[in-house]
Amino acid sequence: MTLKLRVLPRARVDILDQATYFATEEGENLSQRFLQGVEGTLSRLAEFPDLGSKRTFGNPRLATLLIWPTQGFPKHFIVYRVLEDHLEIVRVLHAARDIPGGLESDRF
């Protein structure tokens, strides 16, 4: 069964910021490839929600989060959680970022 997707506003900003960065720094082609990679990854996660890896975070509020790399962009992680009737996309973060720190202040 394919779950519905709910992309939280902060995750949408992450995706658009990264696509804009790629378009500005590397060209529109890379930006489009990134957006296609995100779309493909989200579709796959909706179909197979348990693909992601659990990470151990110090904050128990983050215990339900899963992480999975973006198709074609293995250092860009989709952070999500599986809820009863949908998949909630929390953030899309680069591996070089402080992922736990970036999630601590988020409200989801």
N, C-alpha and C. Protein backbone atom coordinates (compact mmCIF):
# COMPACT_ATOMS: atom_id res chain seq x y z
N MET A 1 0.83 -1.18 0.00
CA MET A 1 0.00 0.00 0.00
C MET A 1 0.88 1.25 0.00
N THR A 2 0.61 2.16 -0.89
CA THR A 2 1.36 3.40 -0.98
C THR A 2 0.75 4.43 -0.04
N LEU A 3 1.60 4.99 0.81
CA LEU A 3 1.13 6.01 1.76
C LEU A 3 1.06 7.38 1.09
N LYS A 4 0.19 8.20 1.58
CA LYS A 4 0.13 9.60 1.14
C LYS A 4 1.34 10.32 1.73
N LEU A 5 1.76 11.35 1.04
CA LEU A 5 2.89 12.16 1.50
C LEU A 5 2.40 13.48 2.05
N ARG A 6 3.03 13.91 3.13
CA ARG A 6 2.81 15.25 3.66
C ARG A 6 4.21 15.86 3.84
N VAL A 7 4.52 16.82 3.02
CA VAL A 7 5.82 17.49 3.09
C VAL A 7 5.65 18.73 3.95
N LEU A 8 6.31 18.74 5.09
CA LEU A 8 6.20 19.88 6.00
C LEU A 8 6.83 21.12 5.38
N PRO A 9 6.36 22.31 5.77
CA PRO A 9 6.88 23.55 5.19
C PRO A 9 8.40 23.67 5.25
N ARG A 10 9.01 23.27 6.36
CA ARG A 10 10.47 23.39 6.47
C ARG A 10 11.18 22.49 5.46
N ALA A 11 10.63 21.31 5.20
CA ALA A 11 11.21 20.42 4.20
C ALA A 11 11.07 21.02 2.79
N ARG A 12 9.93 21.67 2.53
CA ARG A 12 9.75 22.34 1.22
C ARG A 12 10.80 23.43 1.03
N VAL A 13 11.06 24.18 2.09
CA VAL A 13 12.08 25.23 2.03
C VAL A 13 13.45 24.60 1.77
N ASP A 14 13.76 23.49 2.46
CA ASP A 14 15.03 22.80 2.25
C ASP A 14 15.20 22.41 0.78
N ILE A 15 14.17 21.83 0.20
CA ILE A 15 14.22 21.37 -1.19
C ILE A 15 14.41 22.55 -2.13
N LEU A 16 13.62 23.59 -1.95
CA LEU A 16 13.72 24.76 -2.83
C LEU A 16 15.05 25.49 -2.67
N ASP A 17 15.53 25.61 -1.44
CA ASP A 17 16.83 26.25 -1.21
C ASP A 17 17.95 25.49 -1.91
N GLN A 18 17.93 24.17 -1.81
CA GLN A 18 18.98 23.37 -2.44
C GLN A 18 18.88 23.45 -3.96
N ALA A 19 17.68 23.39 -4.49
CA ALA A 19 17.50 23.49 -5.94
C ALA A 19 17.96 24.86 -6.45
N THR A 20 17.65 25.90 -5.69
CA THR A 20 18.09 27.24 -6.07
C THR A 20 19.61 27.36 -6.03
N TYR A 21 20.21 26.79 -4.99
CA TYR A 21 21.67 26.80 -4.89
C TYR A 21 22.29 26.10 -6.10
N PHE A 22 21.79 24.91 -6.42
CA PHE A 22 22.33 24.18 -7.58
C PHE A 22 22.16 24.99 -8.86
N ALA A 23 21.00 25.61 -9.06
CA ALA A 23 20.75 26.39 -10.27
C ALA A 23 21.71 27.56 -10.37
N THR A 24 21.97 28.22 -9.24
CA THR A 24 22.83 29.39 -9.22
C THR A 24 24.30 29.02 -9.38
N GLU A 25 24.73 27.99 -8.67
CA GLU A 25 26.15 27.64 -8.62
C GLU A 25 26.58 26.65 -9.71
N GLU A 26 25.69 25.75 -10.09
CA GLU A 26 26.08 24.67 -11.00
C GLU A 26 25.27 24.61 -12.29
N GLY A 27 24.14 25.28 -12.31
CA GLY A 27 23.33 25.30 -13.52
C GLY A 27 21.98 24.64 -13.32
N GLU A 28 21.08 25.01 -14.19
CA GLU A 28 19.69 24.54 -14.12
C GLU A 28 19.58 23.03 -14.25
N ASN A 29 20.46 22.41 -15.03
CA ASN A 29 20.39 20.97 -15.23
C ASN A 29 20.55 20.22 -13.90
N LEU A 30 21.52 20.61 -13.10
CA LEU A 30 21.72 19.95 -11.80
C LEU A 30 20.54 20.20 -10.88
N SER A 31 20.01 21.40 -10.91
CA SER A 31 18.84 21.73 -10.09
C SER A 31 17.66 20.83 -10.45
N GLN A 32 17.41 20.65 -11.73
CA GLN A 32 16.32 19.78 -12.17
C GLN A 32 16.56 18.33 -11.80
N ARG A 33 17.81 17.87 -11.93
CA ARG A 33 18.14 16.50 -11.52
C ARG A 33 17.89 16.30 -10.04
N PHE A 34 18.22 17.31 -9.23
CA PHE A 34 17.98 17.22 -7.79
C PHE A 34 16.48 17.11 -7.51
N LEU A 35 15.69 17.96 -8.13
CA LEU A 35 14.24 17.93 -7.91
C LEU A 35 13.65 16.59 -8.35
N GLN A 36 14.13 16.06 -9.45
CA GLN A 36 13.67 14.75 -9.91
C GLN A 36 14.09 13.65 -8.93
N GLY A 37 15.31 13.78 -8.38
CA GLY A 37 15.78 12.81 -7.40
C GLY A 37 14.94 12.83 -6.14
N VAL A 38 14.58 14.02 -5.69
CA VAL A 38 13.72 14.13 -4.50
C VAL A 38 12.36 13.52 -4.80
N GLU A 39 11.79 13.86 -5.94
CA GLU A 39 10.46 13.33 -6.30
C GLU A 39 10.49 11.81 -6.39
N GLY A 40 11.51 11.26 -7.03
CA GLY A 40 11.62 9.81 -7.14
C GLY A 40 11.80 9.14 -5.79
N THR A 41 12.60 9.75 -4.94
CA THR A 41 12.83 9.19 -3.61
C THR A 41 11.57 9.23 -2.77
N LEU A 42 10.84 10.33 -2.83
CA LEU A 42 9.60 10.43 -2.07
C LEU A 42 8.59 9.39 -2.54
N SER A 43 8.51 9.17 -3.83
CA SER A 43 7.60 8.16 -4.36
C SER A 43 7.98 6.77 -3.86
N ARG A 44 9.27 6.50 -3.87
CA ARG A 44 9.73 5.18 -3.39
C ARG A 44 9.47 5.01 -1.90
N LEU A 45 9.72 6.05 -1.12
CA LEU A 45 9.46 5.97 0.32
C LEU A 45 7.97 5.81 0.62
N ALA A 46 7.12 6.44 -0.18
CA ALA A 46 5.68 6.29 0.02
C ALA A 46 5.25 4.84 -0.21
N GLU A 47 5.94 4.19 -1.14
CA GLU A 47 5.63 2.80 -1.44
C GLU A 47 6.29 1.83 -0.45
N PHE A 48 7.49 2.17 -0.01
CA PHE A 48 8.25 1.32 0.91
C PHE A 48 8.73 2.17 2.10
N PRO A 49 7.84 2.52 3.00
CA PRO A 49 8.17 3.47 4.07
C PRO A 49 9.23 3.00 5.07
N ASP A 50 9.47 1.71 5.13
CA ASP A 50 10.45 1.21 6.11
C ASP A 50 11.87 1.16 5.56
N LEU A 51 12.11 1.72 4.39
CA LEU A 51 13.45 1.73 3.82
C LEU A 51 14.45 2.51 4.68
N GLY A 52 14.00 3.55 5.30
CA GLY A 52 14.89 4.45 6.03
C GLY A 52 15.55 3.80 7.23
N SER A 53 16.64 4.43 7.63
CA SER A 53 17.39 3.98 8.80
C SER A 53 17.03 4.83 10.00
N LYS A 54 16.90 4.17 11.13
CA LYS A 54 16.71 4.92 12.38
C LYS A 54 18.07 5.39 12.86
N ARG A 55 18.09 6.56 13.41
CA ARG A 55 19.31 7.12 14.00
C ARG A 55 19.07 7.33 15.47
N THR A 56 20.13 7.25 16.22
CA THR A 56 20.01 7.51 17.65
C THR A 56 20.30 8.98 17.89
N PHE A 57 19.30 9.67 18.37
CA PHE A 57 19.42 11.08 18.70
C PHE A 57 19.29 11.21 20.21
N GLY A 58 19.91 12.21 20.78
CA GLY A 58 19.81 12.44 22.22
C GLY A 58 18.42 12.83 22.67
N ASN A 59 17.66 13.42 21.79
CA ASN A 59 16.32 13.88 22.12
C ASN A 59 15.30 12.78 21.80
N PRO A 60 14.56 12.29 22.78
CA PRO A 60 13.59 11.23 22.52
C PRO A 60 12.48 11.64 21.55
N ARG A 61 12.24 12.93 21.40
CA ARG A 61 11.24 13.42 20.46
C ARG A 61 11.61 13.07 19.02
N LEU A 62 12.89 12.84 18.77
CA LEU A 62 13.37 12.53 17.43
C LEU A 62 13.47 11.03 17.16
N ALA A 63 13.09 10.22 18.13
CA ALA A 63 13.27 8.77 18.04
C ALA A 63 12.49 8.12 16.90
N THR A 64 11.40 8.72 16.46
CA THR A 64 10.58 8.11 15.41
C THR A 64 11.05 8.47 14.00
N LEU A 65 12.08 9.29 13.89
CA LEU A 65 12.53 9.74 12.58
C LEU A 65 13.37 8.69 11.87
N LEU A 66 13.19 8.65 10.55
CA LEU A 66 13.98 7.78 9.68
C LEU A 66 14.72 8.67 8.68
N ILE A 67 15.84 8.17 8.17
CA ILE A 67 16.65 8.93 7.22
C ILE A 67 16.93 8.04 6.01
N TRP A 68 16.83 8.64 4.82
CA TRP A 68 17.10 7.91 3.58
C TRP A 68 17.72 8.88 2.58
N PRO A 69 18.77 8.44 1.85
CA PRO A 69 19.42 9.35 0.89
C PRO A 69 18.54 9.63 -0.33
N THR A 70 18.75 10.79 -0.89
CA THR A 70 18.04 11.21 -2.10
C THR A 70 18.65 10.52 -3.31
N GLN A 71 17.80 10.01 -4.16
CA GLN A 71 18.24 9.33 -5.38
C GLN A 71 19.15 10.23 -6.21
N GLY A 72 20.37 9.77 -6.47
CA GLY A 72 21.33 10.54 -7.26
C GLY A 72 22.10 11.57 -6.46
N PHE A 73 21.74 11.78 -5.21
CA PHE A 73 22.38 12.76 -4.33
C PHE A 73 22.56 12.12 -2.95
N PRO A 74 23.47 11.17 -2.83
CA PRO A 74 23.58 10.35 -1.61
C PRO A 74 23.95 11.11 -0.35
N LYS A 75 24.38 12.35 -0.48
CA LYS A 75 24.71 13.13 0.72
C LYS A 75 23.57 14.05 1.16
N HIS A 76 22.45 13.99 0.45
CA HIS A 76 21.26 14.76 0.81
C HIS A 76 20.23 13.79 1.37
N PHE A 77 19.97 13.91 2.66
CA PHE A 77 19.11 12.95 3.34
C PHE A 77 17.69 13.48 3.51
N ILE A 78 16.74 12.62 3.23
CA ILE A 78 15.34 12.91 3.50
C ILE A 78 15.06 12.39 4.90
N VAL A 79 14.61 13.27 5.76
CA VAL A 79 14.28 12.91 7.14
C VAL A 79 12.77 12.86 7.23
N TYR A 80 12.25 11.72 7.67
CA TYR A 80 10.80 11.54 7.66
C TYR A 80 10.36 10.64 8.81
N ARG A 81 9.05 10.56 8.97
CA ARG A 81 8.48 9.61 9.91
C ARG A 81 7.21 9.03 9.32
N VAL A 82 6.96 7.81 9.73
CA VAL A 82 5.78 7.09 9.26
C VAL A 82 4.69 7.25 10.30
N LEU A 83 3.57 7.80 9.87
CA LEU A 83 2.41 7.94 10.74
C LEU A 83 1.34 6.96 10.28
N GLU A 84 0.23 6.93 10.97
CA GLU A 84 -0.81 5.93 10.69
C GLU A 84 -1.25 5.90 9.23
N ASP A 85 -1.54 7.06 8.68
CA ASP A 85 -2.12 7.08 7.33
C ASP A 85 -1.28 7.85 6.31
N HIS A 86 -0.10 8.30 6.69
CA HIS A 86 0.73 9.02 5.73
C HIS A 86 2.20 9.04 6.17
N LEU A 87 3.01 9.49 5.23
CA LEU A 87 4.44 9.67 5.47
C LEU A 87 4.67 11.16 5.61
N GLU A 88 5.32 11.57 6.68
CA GLU A 88 5.57 12.98 6.93
C GLU A 88 7.04 13.29 6.67
N ILE A 89 7.27 14.15 5.68
CA ILE A 89 8.63 14.55 5.33
C ILE A 89 8.97 15.76 6.19
N VAL A 90 9.96 15.58 7.06
CA VAL A 90 10.30 16.58 8.06
C VAL A 90 11.35 17.56 7.55
N ARG A 91 12.41 17.05 6.96
CA ARG A 91 13.50 17.90 6.46
C ARG A 91 14.20 17.19 5.31
N VAL A 92 14.96 17.95 4.54
CA VAL A 92 15.88 17.41 3.54
C VAL A 92 17.20 18.12 3.80
N LEU A 93 18.18 17.37 4.34
CA LEU A 93 19.42 17.98 4.83
C LEU A 93 20.65 17.33 4.23
N HIS A 94 21.68 18.13 4.02
CA HIS A 94 22.96 17.62 3.54
C HIS A 94 23.70 16.95 4.70
N ALA A 95 24.41 15.90 4.41
CA ALA A 95 25.13 15.13 5.43
C ALA A 95 26.16 15.97 6.19
N ALA A 96 26.67 17.02 5.57
CA ALA A 96 27.68 17.85 6.23
C ALA A 96 27.07 18.75 7.30
N ARG A 97 25.77 18.86 7.29
CA ARG A 97 25.10 19.71 8.29
C ARG A 97 24.96 18.96 9.61
N ASP A 98 24.73 19.70 10.64
CA ASP A 98 24.45 19.12 11.95
C ASP A 98 22.99 18.66 11.93
N ILE A 99 22.77 17.42 11.54
CA ILE A 99 21.40 16.93 11.38
C ILE A 99 20.65 16.94 12.71
N PRO A 100 21.19 16.37 13.79
CA PRO A 100 20.44 16.46 15.04
C PRO A 100 20.17 17.90 15.48
N GLY A 101 21.16 18.76 15.34
CA GLY A 101 20.99 20.16 15.71
C GLY A 101 19.93 20.84 14.85
N GLY A 102 19.90 20.50 13.58
CA GLY A 102 18.91 21.08 12.67
C GLY A 102 17.50 20.63 13.00
N LEU A 103 17.37 19.46 13.60
CA LEU A 103 16.06 18.93 13.93
C LEU A 103 15.57 19.37 15.29
N GLU A 104 16.50 19.68 16.18
CA GLU A 104 16.13 20.03 17.56
C GLU A 104 15.15 21.19 17.64
N SER A 105 15.37 22.19 16.82
CA SER A 105 14.53 23.39 16.91
C SER A 105 13.27 23.31 16.06
N ASP A 106 13.15 22.27 15.24
CA ASP A 106 11.97 22.13 14.39
C ASP A 106 10.76 21.71 15.19
N ARG A 107 9.63 22.22 14.77
CA ARG A 107 8.35 21.85 15.41
C ARG A 107 7.61 20.96 14.42
N PHE A 108 7.45 19.73 14.78
CA PHE A 108 6.69 18.80 13.93
C PHE A 108 5.98 17.81 14.80
